[in-house]
C-alpha atoms as a PDB file:
ATOM      1  CA  UNK A   1      36.031  31.363  46.056  1.00  0.00           C
ATOM      2  CA  UNK A   2      37.592  28.865  43.676  1.00  0.00           C
ATOM      3  CA  UNK A   3      35.618  27.992  40.535  1.00  0.00           C
ATOM      4  CA  UNK A   4      36.257  24.273  40.685  1.00  0.00           C
ATOM      5  CA  UNK A   5      34.552  23.481  37.385  1.00  0.00           C
ATOM      6  CA  UNK A   6      36.710  26.041  35.570  1.00  0.00           C
ATOM      7  CA  UNK A   7      39.839  24.780  37.344  1.00  0.00           C
ATOM      8  CA  UNK A   8      39.035  21.230  36.322  1.00  0.00           C
ATOM      9  CA  UNK A   9      38.509  22.252  32.707  1.00  0.00           C
ATOM     10  CA  UNK A  10      41.879  24.030  32.677  1.00  0.00           C
ATOM     11  CA  UNK A  11      43.632  20.990  34.131  1.00  0.00           C
ATOM     12  CA  UNK A  12      42.011  18.712  31.563  1.00  0.00           C
ATOM     13  CA  UNK A  13      43.108  21.014  28.754  1.00  0.00           C
ATOM     14  CA  UNK A  14      46.682  20.962  30.056  1.00  0.00           C
ATOM     15  CA  UNK A  15      46.579  17.161  30.304  1.00  0.00           C
ATOM     16  CA  UNK A  16      45.355  16.954  26.706  1.00  0.00           C
ATOM     17  CA  UNK A  17      48.113  19.231  25.415  1.00  0.00           C
ATOM     18  CA  UNK A  18      50.819  17.344  27.322  1.00  0.00           C
ATOM     19  CA  UNK A  19      49.513  14.014  26.035  1.00  0.00           C
ATOM     20  CA  UNK A  20      49.447  15.345  22.477  1.00  0.00           C
ATOM     21  CA  UNK A  21      53.069  16.497  22.767  1.00  0.00           C
ATOM     22  CA  UNK A  22      54.010  12.966  23.805  1.00  0.00           C
ATOM     23  CA  UNK A  23      52.013  11.334  21.013  1.00  0.00           C
ATOM     24  CA  UNK A  24      49.527   9.940  23.525  1.00  0.00           C
ATOM     25  CA  UNK A  25      45.793  10.235  24.169  1.00  0.00           C
ATOM     26  CA  UNK A  26      44.422  12.269  27.045  1.00  0.00           C
ATOM     27  CA  UNK A  27      42.160   9.311  27.857  1.00  0.00           C
ATOM     28  CA  UNK A  28      45.270   7.290  28.698  1.00  0.00           C
ATOM     29  CA  UNK A  29      45.857   9.492  31.776  1.00  0.00           C
ATOM     30  CA  UNK A  30      43.685   9.121  34.874  1.00  0.00           C
ATOM     31  CA  UNK A  31      43.165  12.411  36.682  1.00  0.00           C
ATOM     32  CA  UNK A  32      42.990  11.827  40.439  1.00  0.00           C
ATOM     33  CA  UNK A  33      41.678  14.814  42.374  1.00  0.00           C
ATOM     34  CA  UNK A  34      43.552  14.867  45.672  1.00  0.00           C
ATOM     35  CA  UNK A  35      41.000  16.073  48.211  1.00  0.00           C
ATOM     36  CA  UNK A  36      43.283  16.296  51.254  1.00  0.00           C
ATOM     37  CA  UNK A  37      41.874  19.013  53.591  1.00  0.00           C
ATOM     38  CA  UNK A  38      39.104  19.752  51.045  1.00  0.00           C
ATOM     39  CA  UNK A  39      35.574  19.962  52.431  1.00  0.00           C
ATOM     40  CA  UNK A  40      32.794  17.726  51.149  1.00  0.00           C
ATOM     41  CA  UNK A  41      30.930  20.595  49.468  1.00  0.00           C
ATOM     42  CA  UNK A  42      33.866  21.364  47.187  1.00  0.00           C
ATOM     43  CA  UNK A  43      34.449  17.683  46.484  1.00  0.00           C
ATOM     44  CA  UNK A  44      30.813  17.401  45.377  1.00  0.00           C
ATOM     45  CA  UNK A  45      31.370  20.328  42.990  1.00  0.00           C
ATOM     46  CA  UNK A  46      34.304  18.521  41.424  1.00  0.00           C
ATOM     47  CA  UNK A  47      32.304  15.315  41.084  1.00  0.00           C
ATOM     48  CA  UNK A  48      29.441  17.225  39.468  1.00  0.00           C
ATOM     49  CA  UNK A  49      31.976  18.649  37.002  1.00  0.00           C
ATOM     50  CA  UNK A  50      33.010  15.124  36.014  1.00  0.00           C
ATOM     51  CA  UNK A  51      36.059  14.346  38.160  1.00  0.00           C
ATOM     52  CA  UNK A  52      36.595  10.612  37.739  1.00  0.00           C
ATOM     53  CA  UNK A  53      38.703   9.627  40.772  1.00  0.00           C
ATOM     54  CA  UNK A  54      39.502  10.942  44.240  1.00  0.00           C
ATOM     55  CA  UNK A  55      42.703  10.637  46.240  1.00  0.00           C
ATOM     56  CA  UNK A  56      43.294  10.992  49.956  1.00  0.00           C
ATOM     57  CA  UNK A  57      46.531  11.043  51.936  1.00  0.00           C
ATOM     58  CA  UNK A  58      45.232   9.713  55.231  1.00  0.00           C
ATOM     59  CA  UNK A  59      42.922   6.869  56.132  1.00  0.00           C
ATOM     60  CA  UNK A  60      41.377   8.838  58.993  1.00  0.00           C
ATOM     61  CA  UNK A  61      40.385  11.806  56.844  1.00  0.00           C
ATOM     62  CA  UNK A  62      39.067   9.614  54.049  1.00  0.00           C
ATOM     63  CA  UNK A  63      36.819   7.652  56.379  1.00  0.00           C
ATOM     64  CA  UNK A  64      34.344  10.456  57.054  1.00  0.00           C
ATOM     65  CA  UNK A  65      34.308  11.651  53.465  1.00  0.00           C
ATOM     66  CA  UNK A  66      33.546   8.191  52.100  1.00  0.00           C
ATOM     67  CA  UNK A  67      30.752   7.748  54.640  1.00  0.00           C
ATOM     68  CA  UNK A  68      29.218  11.042  53.495  1.00  0.00           C
ATOM     69  CA  UNK A  69      29.912  10.862  49.760  1.00  0.00           C
ATOM     70  CA  UNK A  70      29.794   7.142  49.116  1.00  0.00           C
ATOM     71  CA  UNK A  71      31.621   5.738  46.089  1.00  0.00           C
ATOM     72  CA  UNK A  72      30.549   7.688  43.016  1.00  0.00           C
ATOM     73  CA  UNK A  73      34.135   7.281  41.737  1.00  0.00           C
ATOM     74  CA  UNK A  74      37.120   5.142  42.792  1.00  0.00           C
ATOM     75  CA  UNK A  75      39.056   6.261  45.877  1.00  0.00           C
ATOM     76  CA  UNK A  76      42.863   6.135  45.840  1.00  0.00           C
ATOM     77  CA  UNK A  77      45.132   6.203  48.883  1.00  0.00           C
ATOM     78  CA  UNK A  78      48.064   8.331  47.741  1.00  0.00           C
ATOM     79  CA  UNK A  79      49.761   8.905  51.112  1.00  0.00           C
ATOM     80  CA  UNK A  80      51.887   6.780  53.401  1.00  0.00           C
ATOM     81  CA  UNK A  81      50.177   3.710  54.836  1.00  0.00           C
ATOM     82  CA  UNK A  82      50.978   2.348  58.282  1.00  0.00           C
ATOM     83  CA  UNK A  83      50.584  -1.371  58.850  1.00  0.00           C
ATOM     84  CA  UNK A  84      48.062  -0.810  61.636  1.00  0.00           C
ATOM     85  CA  UNK A  85      45.811   1.087  59.199  1.00  0.00           C
ATOM     86  CA  UNK A  86      45.737  -1.618  56.521  1.00  0.00           C
ATOM     87  CA  UNK A  87      42.480  -3.243  57.591  1.00  0.00           C
ATOM     88  CA  UNK A  88      40.565  -0.008  57.168  1.00  0.00           C
ATOM     89  CA  UNK A  89      42.495   1.045  54.061  1.00  0.00           C
ATOM     90  CA  UNK A  90      41.543  -2.195  52.301  1.00  0.00           C
ATOM     91  CA  UNK A  91      37.905  -1.563  53.198  1.00  0.00           C
ATOM     92  CA  UNK A  92      37.920   2.086  52.072  1.00  0.00           C
ATOM     93  CA  UNK A  93      40.179   2.362  49.024  1.00  0.00           C
ATOM     94  CA  UNK A  94      40.076   0.905  45.538  1.00  0.00           C
ATOM     95  CA  UNK A  95      43.799   1.477  44.884  1.00  0.00           C
ATOM     96  CA  UNK A  96      46.732   1.904  47.284  1.00  0.00           C
ATOM     97  CA  UNK A  97      49.628   3.900  45.803  1.00  0.00           C
ATOM     98  CA  UNK A  98      52.186   3.611  48.606  1.00  0.00           C
ATOM     99  CA  UNK A  99      53.223  -0.029  48.920  1.00  0.00           C
ATOM    100  CA  UNK A 100      56.896   0.002  49.840  1.00  0.00           C
ATOM    101  CA  UNK A 101      57.779  -2.976  52.039  1.00  0.00           C
ATOM    102  CA  UNK A 102      57.106  -6.688  52.291  1.00  0.00           C
ATOM    103  CA  UNK A 103      55.444  -6.533  55.718  1.00  0.00           C
ATOM    104  CA  UNK A 104      52.923  -3.980  54.477  1.00  0.00           C
ATOM    105  CA  UNK A 105      52.200  -6.029  51.362  1.00  0.00           C
ATOM    106  CA  UNK A 106      51.618  -9.193  53.364  1.00  0.00           C
ATOM    107  CA  UNK A 107      49.209  -7.397  55.658  1.00  0.00           C
ATOM    108  CA  UNK A 108      47.328  -5.979  52.639  1.00  0.00           C
ATOM    109  CA  UNK A 109      47.107  -9.471  51.194  1.00  0.00           C
ATOM    110  CA  UNK A 110      45.893 -10.942  54.502  1.00  0.00           C
ATOM    111  CA  UNK A 111      43.221  -8.298  54.988  1.00  0.00           C
ATOM    112  CA  UNK A 112      42.071  -8.519  51.383  1.00  0.00           C
ATOM    113  CA  UNK A 113      41.842 -12.314  51.627  1.00  0.00           C
ATOM    114  CA  UNK A 114      39.676 -11.956  54.753  1.00  0.00           C
ATOM    115  CA  UNK A 115      37.325  -9.724  52.770  1.00  0.00           C
ATOM    116  CA  UNK A 116      37.193 -12.143  49.858  1.00  0.00           C
ATOM    117  CA  UNK A 117      38.637  -9.690  47.346  1.00  0.00           C
ATOM    118  CA  UNK A 118      41.924  -8.620  45.818  1.00  0.00           C
ATOM    119  CA  UNK A 119      43.411  -5.182  46.368  1.00  0.00           C
ATOM    120  CA  UNK A 120      45.089  -3.174  43.612  1.00  0.00           C
ATOM    121  CA  UNK A 121      48.340  -1.491  44.578  1.00  0.00           C
ATOM    122  CA  UNK A 122      51.280   0.461  43.227  1.00  0.00           C
ATOM    123  CA  UNK A 123      54.795   0.142  44.576  1.00  0.00           C
ATOM    124  CA  UNK A 124      56.197   3.471  45.717  1.00  0.00           C
ATOM    125  CA  UNK A 125      59.769   4.002  44.564  1.00  0.00           C
ATOM    126  CA  UNK A 126      62.030   6.548  46.245  1.00  0.00           C
ATOM    127  CA  UNK A 127      63.640   7.560  42.967  1.00  0.00           C
ATOM    128  CA  UNK A 128      65.969  10.175  44.477  1.00  0.00           C
ATOM    129  CA  UNK A 129      66.841   8.338  47.682  1.00  0.00           C
ATOM    130  CA  UNK A 130      65.420  11.079  49.904  1.00  0.00           C
ATOM    131  CA  UNK A 131      65.583  10.167  53.591  1.00  0.00           C
ATOM    132  CA  UNK A 132      62.429  12.183  54.318  1.00  0.00           C
ATOM    133  CA  UNK A 133      60.264  10.117  51.964  1.00  0.00           C
ATOM    134  CA  UNK A 134      58.948   6.591  51.883  1.00  0.00           C
ATOM    135  CA  UNK A 135      59.382   4.192  49.016  1.00  0.00           C
ATOM    136  CA  UNK A 136      61.645   1.334  48.074  1.00  0.00           C
ATOM    137  CA  UNK A 137      65.060   2.180  46.647  1.00  0.00           C
ATOM    138  CA  UNK A 138      65.289   1.447  42.912  1.00  0.00           C
ATOM    139  CA  UNK A 139      67.962  -1.160  43.617  1.00  0.00           C
ATOM    140  CA  UNK A 140      65.578  -3.013  45.932  1.00  0.00           C
ATOM    141  CA  UNK A 141      62.608  -3.094  43.579  1.00  0.00           C
ATOM    142  CA  UNK A 142      63.357  -6.462  41.968  1.00  0.00           C
ATOM    143  CA  UNK A 143      63.615  -8.251  45.319  1.00  0.00           C
ATOM    144  CA  UNK A 144      60.408  -6.618  46.557  1.00  0.00           C
ATOM    145  CA  UNK A 145      58.465  -7.605  43.443  1.00  0.00           C
ATOM    146  CA  UNK A 146      59.727 -11.175  43.770  1.00  0.00           C
ATOM    147  CA  UNK A 147      58.519 -11.274  47.370  1.00  0.00           C
ATOM    148  CA  UNK A 148      55.096  -9.918  46.391  1.00  0.00           C
ATOM    149  CA  UNK A 149      54.531 -12.311  43.490  1.00  0.00           C
ATOM    150  CA  UNK A 150      53.096 -15.188  45.605  1.00  0.00           C
ATOM    151  CA  UNK A 151      50.514 -12.928  47.312  1.00  0.00           C
ATOM    152  CA  UNK A 152      47.280 -14.008  45.634  1.00  0.00           C
ATOM    153  CA  UNK A 153      45.096 -11.188  46.946  1.00  0.00           C
ATOM    154  CA  UNK A 154      47.482  -8.342  46.102  1.00  0.00           C
ATOM    155  CA  UNK A 155      47.613  -7.100  42.506  1.00  0.00           C
ATOM    156  CA  UNK A 156      50.641  -4.936  41.779  1.00  0.00           C
ATOM    157  CA  UNK A 157      49.555  -2.703  38.899  1.00  0.00           C
ATOM    158  CA  UNK A 158      52.508  -0.364  38.600  1.00  0.00           C
ATOM    159  CA  UNK A 159      54.777   2.160  40.279  1.00  0.00           C
ATOM    160  CA  UNK A 160      54.410   5.492  42.042  1.00  0.00           C
ATOM    161  CA  UNK A 161      56.954   8.199  42.811  1.00  0.00           C
ATOM    162  CA  UNK A 162      57.176  11.626  44.412  1.00  0.00           C
ATOM    163  CA  UNK A 163      60.300  13.347  43.057  1.00  0.00           C
ATOM    164  CA  UNK A 164      62.225  16.044  44.924  1.00  0.00           C
ATOM    165  CA  UNK A 165      60.541  19.447  45.015  1.00  0.00           C
ATOM    166  CA  UNK A 166      61.700  21.720  42.227  1.00  0.00           C
ATOM    167  CA  UNK A 167      61.002  25.303  41.219  1.00  0.00           C
ATOM    168  CA  UNK A 168      61.243  24.378  37.562  1.00  0.00           C
ATOM    169  CA  UNK A 169      59.063  21.407  36.533  1.00  0.00           C
ATOM    170  CA  UNK A 170      61.731  20.444  34.001  1.00  0.00           C
ATOM    171  CA  UNK A 171      63.988  19.510  36.908  1.00  0.00           C
ATOM    172  CA  UNK A 172      61.627  16.641  37.735  1.00  0.00           C
ATOM    173  CA  UNK A 173      61.917  15.093  34.267  1.00  0.00           C
ATOM    174  CA  UNK A 174      64.913  12.831  35.029  1.00  0.00           C
ATOM    175  CA  UNK A 175      63.079  11.312  38.009  1.00  0.00           C
ATOM    176  CA  UNK A 176      59.921  10.642  36.014  1.00  0.00           C
ATOM    177  CA  UNK A 177      62.003   9.182  33.212  1.00  0.00           C
ATOM    178  CA  UNK A 178      63.774   6.914  35.698  1.00  0.00           C
ATOM    179  CA  UNK A 179      60.458   5.610  37.025  1.00  0.00           C
ATOM    180  CA  UNK A 180      59.242   4.996  33.482  1.00  0.00           C
ATOM    181  CA  UNK A 181      62.341   2.930  32.743  1.00  0.00           C
ATOM    182  CA  UNK A 182      61.803   0.877  35.884  1.00  0.00           C
ATOM    183  CA  UNK A 183      58.193   0.247  34.903  1.00  0.00           C
ATOM    184  CA  UNK A 184      59.236  -0.906  31.453  1.00  0.00           C
ATOM    185  CA  UNK A 185      61.984  -3.108  32.905  1.00  0.00           C
ATOM    186  CA  UNK A 186      59.515  -5.000  35.099  1.00  0.00           C
ATOM    187  CA  UNK A 187      56.517  -4.938  32.767  1.00  0.00           C
ATOM    188  CA  UNK A 188      54.491  -2.570  34.943  1.00  0.00           C
ATOM    189  CA  UNK A 189      52.422  -0.227  32.816  1.00  0.00           C
ATOM    190  CA  UNK A 190      50.697   1.930  35.446  1.00  0.00           C
ATOM    191  CA  UNK A 191      52.776   4.953  36.482  1.00  0.00           C
ATOM    192  CA  UNK A 192      51.436   7.293  39.156  1.00  0.00           C
ATOM    193  CA  UNK A 193      53.594  10.389  38.943  1.00  0.00           C
ATOM    194  CA  UNK A 194      53.049  14.115  38.654  1.00  0.00           C
ATOM    195  CA  UNK A 195      51.220  16.591  40.863  1.00  0.00           C
ATOM    196  CA  UNK A 196      49.888  20.129  40.442  1.00  0.00           C
ATOM    197  CA  UNK A 197      53.286  21.671  39.781  1.00  0.00           C
ATOM    198  CA  UNK A 198      54.764  19.128  37.380  1.00  0.00           C
ATOM    199  CA  UNK A 199      52.047  16.867  35.955  1.00  0.00           C
ATOM    200  CA  UNK A 200      52.584  17.970  32.366  1.00  0.00           C
ATOM    201  CA  UNK A 201      56.220  16.835  32.444  1.00  0.00           C
ATOM    202  CA  UNK A 202      55.111  13.589  34.077  1.00  0.00           C
ATOM    203  CA  UNK A 203      52.628  12.931  31.273  1.00  0.00           C
ATOM    204  CA  UNK A 204      55.299  13.603  28.672  1.00  0.00           C
ATOM    205  CA  UNK A 205      57.392  10.934  30.426  1.00  0.00           C
ATOM    206  CA  UNK A 206      54.624   8.343  30.471  1.00  0.00           C
ATOM    207  CA  UNK A 207      52.430   8.961  33.529  1.00  0.00           C
ATOM    208  CA  UNK A 208      49.153   7.046  33.413  1.00  0.00           C
ATOM    209  CA  UNK A 209      47.877   8.631  36.655  1.00  0.00           C
ATOM    210  CA  UNK A 210      48.405  12.189  37.901  1.00  0.00           C
ATOM    211  CA  UNK A 211      47.583  13.296  41.445  1.00  0.00           C
ATOM    212  CA  UNK A 212      46.326  16.870  41.390  1.00  0.00           C
ATOM    213  CA  UNK A 213      45.024  18.827  44.350  1.00  0.00           C
ATOM    214  CA  UNK A 214      45.567  22.589  44.460  1.00  0.00           C
ATOM    215  CA  UNK A 215      45.208  23.119  40.700  1.00  0.00           C
ATOM    216  CA  UNK A 216      41.641  21.823  41.055  1.00  0.00           C
ATOM    217  CA  UNK A 217      40.566  22.728  44.574  1.00  0.00           C
ATOM    218  CA  UNK A 218      42.693  25.822  45.205  1.00  0.00           C
ATOM    219  CA  UNK A 219      45.223  26.520  47.968  1.00  0.00           C
ATOM    220  CA  UNK A 220      45.010  24.357  51.045  1.00  0.00           C
ATOM    221  CA  UNK A 221      44.414  26.036  54.408  1.00  0.00           C
ATOM    222  CA  UNK A 222      47.492  26.708  56.477  1.00  0.00           C
ATOM    223  CA  UNK A 223      48.353  23.861  58.804  1.00  0.00           C
ATOM    224  CA  UNK A 224      47.375  24.796  62.376  1.00  0.00           C
ATOM    225  CA  UNK A 225      50.078  25.243  64.967  1.00  0.00           C
ATOM    226  CA  UNK A 226      50.256  22.841  67.900  1.00  0.00           C
ATOM    227  CA  UNK A 227      48.860  25.616  70.137  1.00  0.00           C
ATOM    228  CA  UNK A 228      45.849  26.101  67.822  1.00  0.00           C
ATOM    229  CA  UNK A 229      45.211  22.352  67.689  1.00  0.00           C
ATOM    230  CA  UNK A 230      45.157  22.176  71.480  1.00  0.00           C
ATOM    231  CA  UNK A 231      42.602  24.967  71.930  1.00  0.00           C
END
């Protein structure tokens, strides 16, 4: 059984040390506990231990958890968002991290306008140009931001990236540094980058949000095979 309170304390200590190395304050970094596949009981333990934000990858999974847990902290959508899920995403989440195309942004704006509120979002940048990942190419960021500027009910707060997987966290540093430069170039101060395996490097390179799952909640269960799902 994972001691979630102890895990959370260790993660906070690592965040503090990384921030200190970068001449920053730990309070400048928002810790988002990614609760993908995590049951509500363990999420409650993390909340009781002071976790200040929750992240989910899928609208469907988040729906039931938010119904049961309510909104003791902000909820962040950190996974890919399909256009047909925007209506519910705008209702459920406080921040959307995966904005990557004009059509999606316009739908977010339309749905937020219908609800009489503005939605906070981050633009996902595919810093390494990986075909398997979403995100706008760095070269297309300026045009996308220009297209989003007139959308009155969409507030672009910053950028998000998921770098290529690496055995050594140091190998992710150039990608985090590249995202930081893009943020500075366009005056976007929020940077969502860094997960359980590399968040310290991300903080050293300017992350203001880190998305941490397994380091808090422990290993995720193995994904069921198609045969198991059909039983």
